[in-house]
Amino acid sequence: MNLALTPLISLIAGILILLVPRLLNYIVAIYLIVIGLVGIFGGNFNLRF
């Protein structure tokens, strides 16, 4: 089973924002950093289970 990293991060971030709205700034910052790193290093990260 291949699981894309970006949708998983988006789902987790959305749930955390709903539960704790004060985390919005941190979640957005971490999300942008992760997306930037994935873009720089090729974006071929797949989690295999």
N, C-alpha and C. Protein backbone atom coordinates (compact mmCIF):
# COMPACT_ATOMS: atom_id res chain seq x y z
N MET A 1 0.85 -1.18 0.00
CA MET A 1 0.00 0.00 0.00
C MET A 1 0.89 1.24 0.00
N ASN A 2 0.73 2.08 -0.97
CA ASN A 2 1.48 3.34 -1.03
C ASN A 2 0.62 4.46 -0.47
N LEU A 3 1.21 5.28 0.36
CA LEU A 3 0.49 6.38 0.99
C LEU A 3 1.25 7.66 0.72
N ALA A 4 0.61 8.60 0.04
CA ALA A 4 1.27 9.87 -0.27
C ALA A 4 1.45 10.69 1.01
N LEU A 5 2.56 11.37 1.10
CA LEU A 5 2.90 12.11 2.31
C LEU A 5 2.07 13.39 2.45
N THR A 6 1.88 14.14 1.40
CA THR A 6 1.21 15.43 1.47
C THR A 6 -0.24 15.33 1.95
N PRO A 7 -1.06 14.43 1.38
CA PRO A 7 -2.44 14.35 1.90
C PRO A 7 -2.51 13.91 3.35
N LEU A 8 -1.60 13.05 3.76
CA LEU A 8 -1.59 12.61 5.15
C LEU A 8 -1.27 13.77 6.09
N ILE A 9 -0.28 14.57 5.74
CA ILE A 9 0.07 15.74 6.55
C ILE A 9 -1.08 16.72 6.59
N SER A 10 -1.74 16.93 5.46
CA SER A 10 -2.87 17.85 5.39
C SER A 10 -4.01 17.40 6.30
N LEU A 11 -4.28 16.12 6.28
CA LEU A 11 -5.36 15.58 7.11
C LEU A 11 -5.05 15.76 8.59
N ILE A 12 -3.85 15.43 9.00
CA ILE A 12 -3.45 15.57 10.40
C ILE A 12 -3.50 17.03 10.82
N ALA A 13 -2.99 17.93 9.96
CA ALA A 13 -3.00 19.36 10.28
C ALA A 13 -4.42 19.88 10.42
N GLY A 14 -5.30 19.47 9.53
CA GLY A 14 -6.69 19.91 9.61
C GLY A 14 -7.37 19.47 10.90
N ILE A 15 -7.13 18.24 11.30
CA ILE A 15 -7.73 17.73 12.54
C ILE A 15 -7.19 18.49 13.75
N LEU A 16 -5.88 18.74 13.76
CA LEU A 16 -5.29 19.46 14.89
C LEU A 16 -5.80 20.89 14.96
N ILE A 17 -5.99 21.53 13.81
CA ILE A 17 -6.51 22.90 13.80
C ILE A 17 -7.93 22.93 14.35
N LEU A 18 -8.73 21.93 14.01
CA LEU A 18 -10.09 21.88 14.54
C LEU A 18 -10.09 21.67 16.05
N LEU A 19 -9.18 20.84 16.53
CA LEU A 19 -9.14 20.54 17.96
C LEU A 19 -8.53 21.67 18.78
N VAL A 20 -7.45 22.27 18.28
CA VAL A 20 -6.73 23.32 19.02
C VAL A 20 -6.42 24.46 18.05
N PRO A 21 -7.35 25.42 17.91
CA PRO A 21 -7.15 26.51 16.93
C PRO A 21 -5.88 27.34 17.15
N ARG A 22 -5.36 27.39 18.37
CA ARG A 22 -4.14 28.17 18.62
C ARG A 22 -2.93 27.58 17.92
N LEU A 23 -3.00 26.31 17.53
CA LEU A 23 -1.87 25.66 16.86
C LEU A 23 -1.78 26.04 15.38
N LEU A 24 -2.72 26.83 14.88
CA LEU A 24 -2.78 27.12 13.46
C LEU A 24 -1.46 27.66 12.92
N ASN A 25 -0.88 28.64 13.60
CA ASN A 25 0.38 29.24 13.11
C ASN A 25 1.50 28.21 13.03
N TYR A 26 1.63 27.39 14.04
CA TYR A 26 2.69 26.38 14.06
C TYR A 26 2.46 25.32 13.00
N ILE A 27 1.22 24.88 12.86
CA ILE A 27 0.92 23.84 11.88
C ILE A 27 1.18 24.34 10.47
N VAL A 28 0.76 25.57 10.18
CA VAL A 28 0.99 26.12 8.84
C VAL A 28 2.48 26.26 8.58
N ALA A 29 3.23 26.74 9.57
CA ALA A 29 4.68 26.89 9.39
C ALA A 29 5.35 25.54 9.15
N ILE A 30 5.01 24.54 9.94
CA ILE A 30 5.61 23.21 9.76
C ILE A 30 5.21 22.63 8.42
N TYR A 31 3.95 22.80 8.04
CA TYR A 31 3.47 22.28 6.76
C TYR A 31 4.24 22.90 5.60
N LEU A 32 4.43 24.21 5.64
CA LEU A 32 5.15 24.88 4.56
C LEU A 32 6.61 24.43 4.50
N ILE A 33 7.23 24.23 5.65
CA ILE A 33 8.61 23.74 5.69
C ILE A 33 8.69 22.34 5.09
N VAL A 34 7.77 21.47 5.46
CA VAL A 34 7.78 20.11 4.94
C VAL A 34 7.56 20.11 3.43
N ILE A 35 6.60 20.89 2.95
CA ILE A 35 6.33 20.95 1.51
C ILE A 35 7.55 21.49 0.77
N GLY A 36 8.21 22.47 1.35
CA GLY A 36 9.42 23.01 0.74
C GLY A 36 10.52 21.97 0.66
N LEU A 37 10.72 21.21 1.73
CA LEU A 37 11.74 20.17 1.72
C LEU A 37 11.42 19.07 0.72
N VAL A 38 10.15 18.69 0.65
CA VAL A 38 9.74 17.67 -0.32
C VAL A 38 10.00 18.18 -1.73
N GLY A 39 9.71 19.44 -1.98
CA GLY A 39 9.96 20.02 -3.30
C GLY A 39 11.43 20.07 -3.65
N ILE A 40 12.26 20.40 -2.69
CA ILE A 40 13.70 20.50 -2.93
C ILE A 40 14.32 19.13 -3.17
N PHE A 41 13.92 18.15 -2.39
CA PHE A 41 14.56 16.84 -2.47
C PHE A 41 13.84 15.86 -3.38
N GLY A 42 12.95 16.35 -4.22
CA GLY A 42 12.40 15.50 -5.27
C GLY A 42 10.98 15.04 -5.06
N GLY A 43 10.51 14.97 -3.86
CA GLY A 43 9.13 14.59 -3.61
C GLY A 43 8.81 13.14 -3.89
N ASN A 44 9.79 12.27 -3.87
CA ASN A 44 9.54 10.85 -4.13
C ASN A 44 9.43 10.06 -2.83
N PHE A 45 8.83 10.67 -1.82
CA PHE A 45 8.69 10.00 -0.54
C PHE A 45 7.37 9.25 -0.52
N ASN A 46 7.42 7.93 -0.43
CA ASN A 46 6.22 7.11 -0.28
C ASN A 46 6.40 6.21 0.93
N LEU A 47 5.37 6.18 1.76
CA LEU A 47 5.40 5.29 2.91
C LEU A 47 4.83 3.95 2.47
N ARG A 48 5.54 2.88 2.73
CA ARG A 48 5.06 1.56 2.34
C ARG A 48 4.74 0.76 3.59
N PHE A 49 3.54 0.21 3.59
CA PHE A 49 3.09 -0.60 4.73
C PHE A 49 2.92 -2.02 4.31
